[in-house]
C-alpha cells in the first residue's frame, strides 16, 4: 500500500475515468483488483479527519485509471447504477480465469459471441460488473 499517491502517467489520466463510491470498502477493492485484474496501486489517501476509510484510492488496470472513495457513507452496497466496466485485452481467457479465481462471480460465460469477439461478464464482491473482451479474428 502506498500512502502518498504518485503522479500517474499522463496517459492514465485521459478520457473518462470511472470514480466509484465504495461505501467503506475502497481499500479492500484496491487489494481485490490487484488480485483479480492485475491492478497497480497508484496510491491511497486516508480521510483527512482520521475517520476510517479512504478519501481517494486509485489503481491502474490494463493501461487505464480507476478511482474510488469511501466518502459519502459506509456499509451496504455502492449506491449508484451503471452498466459495467469493460476490459479489452489480448489474452481474455487468462484475465477471465484470474478474476474468477480471485472471487468474481460469473454472470455471462466467457465465450465467442455472435459479433465475433470473446466476451464474458463478471461481478466482483463489491457489486461492480466487469466485462472481459478479446477481439476475435477479423474477416
Protein backbone atom coordinates (compact mmCIF):
# COMPACT_ATOMS: atom_id res chain seq x y z
CA UNK A 1 0.00 0.00 0.00
CA UNK A 2 1.24 3.45 -0.90
CA UNK A 3 0.00 6.30 1.37
CA UNK A 4 1.17 9.11 -0.90
CA UNK A 5 -0.22 8.89 -4.41
CA UNK A 6 2.39 9.17 -7.12
CA UNK A 7 1.57 11.37 -10.07
CA UNK A 8 0.19 8.90 -12.59
CA UNK A 9 1.43 8.83 -16.14
CA UNK A 10 -0.50 11.42 -18.16
CA UNK A 11 -1.80 8.66 -20.44
CA UNK A 12 -3.70 7.15 -17.49
CA UNK A 13 -5.42 10.46 -16.85
CA UNK A 14 -7.09 10.82 -20.27
CA UNK A 15 -10.60 10.07 -21.38
CA UNK A 16 -13.35 9.25 -18.91
CA UNK A 17 -12.13 7.84 -15.60
CA UNK A 18 -14.64 5.86 -13.55
CA UNK A 19 -14.80 7.17 -9.94
CA UNK A 20 -16.66 4.73 -7.71
CA UNK A 21 -18.18 5.33 -4.26
CA UNK A 22 -17.31 2.13 -2.43
CA UNK A 23 -19.33 2.52 0.81
CA UNK A 24 -16.40 1.93 3.16
CA UNK A 25 -14.68 -0.75 1.08
CA UNK A 26 -12.32 1.24 -1.18
CA UNK A 27 -9.08 -0.16 0.32
CA UNK A 28 -10.47 -3.69 0.13
CA UNK A 29 -11.45 -3.05 -3.51
CA UNK A 30 -7.94 -1.79 -4.38
CA UNK A 31 -6.47 -5.00 -2.94
CA UNK A 32 -9.02 -7.22 -4.69
CA UNK A 33 -8.49 -5.57 -8.08
CA UNK A 34 -4.76 -6.24 -7.77
CA UNK A 35 -5.53 -9.96 -7.41
CA UNK A 36 -8.38 -10.17 -9.92
CA UNK A 37 -7.28 -7.75 -12.66
CA UNK A 38 -3.53 -7.23 -12.04
CA UNK A 39 -4.20 -3.65 -10.91
CA UNK A 40 -1.27 -1.45 -9.98
CA UNK A 41 -1.88 0.57 -6.81
CA UNK A 42 -1.38 4.25 -7.70
CA UNK A 43 -1.89 5.48 -4.14
CA UNK A 44 -4.35 5.89 -1.32
CA UNK A 45 -5.31 8.96 0.68
CA UNK A 46 -6.90 8.44 4.10
CA UNK A 47 -9.82 10.53 5.28
CA UNK A 48 -8.42 13.90 6.45
CA UNK A 49 -10.28 13.82 9.78
CA UNK A 50 -8.88 10.42 10.75
CA UNK A 51 -12.18 8.67 10.08
CA UNK A 52 -11.93 5.11 8.76
CA UNK A 53 -11.72 4.59 5.02
CA UNK A 54 -10.17 6.30 2.04
CA UNK A 55 -10.84 9.78 0.78
CA UNK A 56 -9.27 8.65 -2.50
CA UNK A 57 -7.80 5.46 -3.92
CA UNK A 58 -6.54 4.92 -7.43
CA UNK A 59 -5.42 1.89 -9.37
CA UNK A 60 -4.27 1.36 -12.95
CA UNK A 61 -5.78 -1.58 -14.81
CA UNK A 62 -4.84 -2.54 -18.35
CA UNK A 63 -3.48 0.94 -19.14
CA UNK A 64 -6.41 2.89 -17.65
CA UNK A 65 -7.25 4.51 -14.32
CA UNK A 66 -9.96 3.58 -11.83
CA UNK A 67 -10.61 5.88 -8.86
CA UNK A 68 -12.52 5.10 -5.66
CA UNK A 69 -13.63 6.79 -2.47
CA UNK A 70 -15.36 5.94 0.79
CA UNK A 71 -16.67 9.49 1.08
CA UNK A 72 -20.41 9.59 1.41
CA UNK A 73 -21.13 6.67 3.69
CA UNK A 74 -20.24 3.18 4.74
CA UNK A 75 -21.89 -0.18 4.87
CA UNK A 76 -24.17 -1.66 2.26
CA UNK A 77 -23.57 -1.85 -1.47
CA UNK A 78 -22.48 1.12 -3.55
CA UNK A 79 -25.36 3.49 -4.24
CA UNK A 80 -25.07 4.08 -7.96
CA UNK A 81 -26.19 2.38 -11.11
CA UNK A 82 -24.41 1.84 -14.39
CA UNK A 83 -23.75 -0.96 -16.85
CA UNK A 84 -20.29 -2.42 -16.38
CA UNK A 85 -16.58 -1.73 -16.69
CA UNK A 86 -15.11 -3.31 -19.83
CA UNK A 87 -11.54 -4.57 -20.20
CA UNK A 88 -10.36 -5.09 -23.78
CA UNK A 89 -7.32 -7.35 -23.56
CA UNK A 90 -5.12 -9.54 -25.75
CA UNK A 91 -5.45 -12.68 -23.57
CA UNK A 92 -9.06 -12.72 -22.42
CA UNK A 93 -9.02 -16.27 -21.08
CA UNK A 94 -6.10 -15.52 -18.73
CA UNK A 95 -7.82 -12.34 -17.47
CA UNK A 96 -11.09 -14.23 -17.02
CA UNK A 97 -9.53 -17.17 -15.19
CA UNK A 98 -7.58 -14.87 -12.82
CA UNK A 99 -10.70 -12.84 -11.97
CA UNK A 100 -12.80 -15.95 -11.31
CA UNK A 101 -10.03 -17.47 -9.17
CA UNK A 102 -9.83 -14.25 -7.15
CA UNK A 103 -13.54 -14.44 -6.35
CA UNK A 104 -15.58 -12.85 -9.13
CA UNK A 105 -18.98 -14.37 -9.92
CA UNK A 106 -19.81 -15.34 -13.49
CA UNK A 107 -22.87 -13.50 -14.83
CA UNK A 108 -22.42 -14.43 -18.52
CA UNK A 109 -19.85 -17.05 -19.56
CA UNK A 110 -16.69 -16.08 -21.39
CA UNK A 111 -17.18 -17.39 -24.91
CA UNK A 112 -17.23 -16.45 -28.60
CA UNK A 113 -20.13 -14.07 -29.23
CA UNK A 114 -22.30 -13.69 -32.33
CA UNK A 115 -20.43 -10.47 -33.23
CA UNK A 116 -17.11 -12.37 -33.38
CA UNK A 117 -15.34 -11.41 -30.13
CA UNK A 118 -14.74 -13.48 -26.99
CA UNK A 119 -16.65 -11.81 -24.15
CA UNK A 120 -17.99 -12.57 -20.70
CA UNK A 121 -19.46 -10.69 -17.74
CA UNK A 122 -18.45 -10.96 -14.08
CA UNK A 123 -19.47 -9.37 -10.79
CA UNK A 124 -16.88 -8.57 -8.14
CA UNK A 125 -17.55 -8.86 -4.38
CA UNK A 126 -18.43 -5.14 -4.28
CA UNK A 127 -21.30 -5.42 -6.77
CA UNK A 128 -19.36 -3.94 -9.71
CA UNK A 129 -19.85 -5.68 -13.06
CA UNK A 130 -16.80 -6.28 -15.26
CA UNK A 131 -16.73 -7.48 -18.87
CA UNK A 132 -13.66 -9.15 -20.36
CA UNK A 133 -13.39 -8.81 -24.15
CA UNK A 134 -10.81 -10.19 -26.54
CA UNK A 135 -11.35 -9.18 -30.13
CA UNK A 136 -11.94 -12.07 -32.49
CA UNK A 137 -10.30 -12.75 -35.83
CA UNK A 138 -11.03 -10.09 -38.42
CA UNK A 139 -12.65 -11.25 -41.63
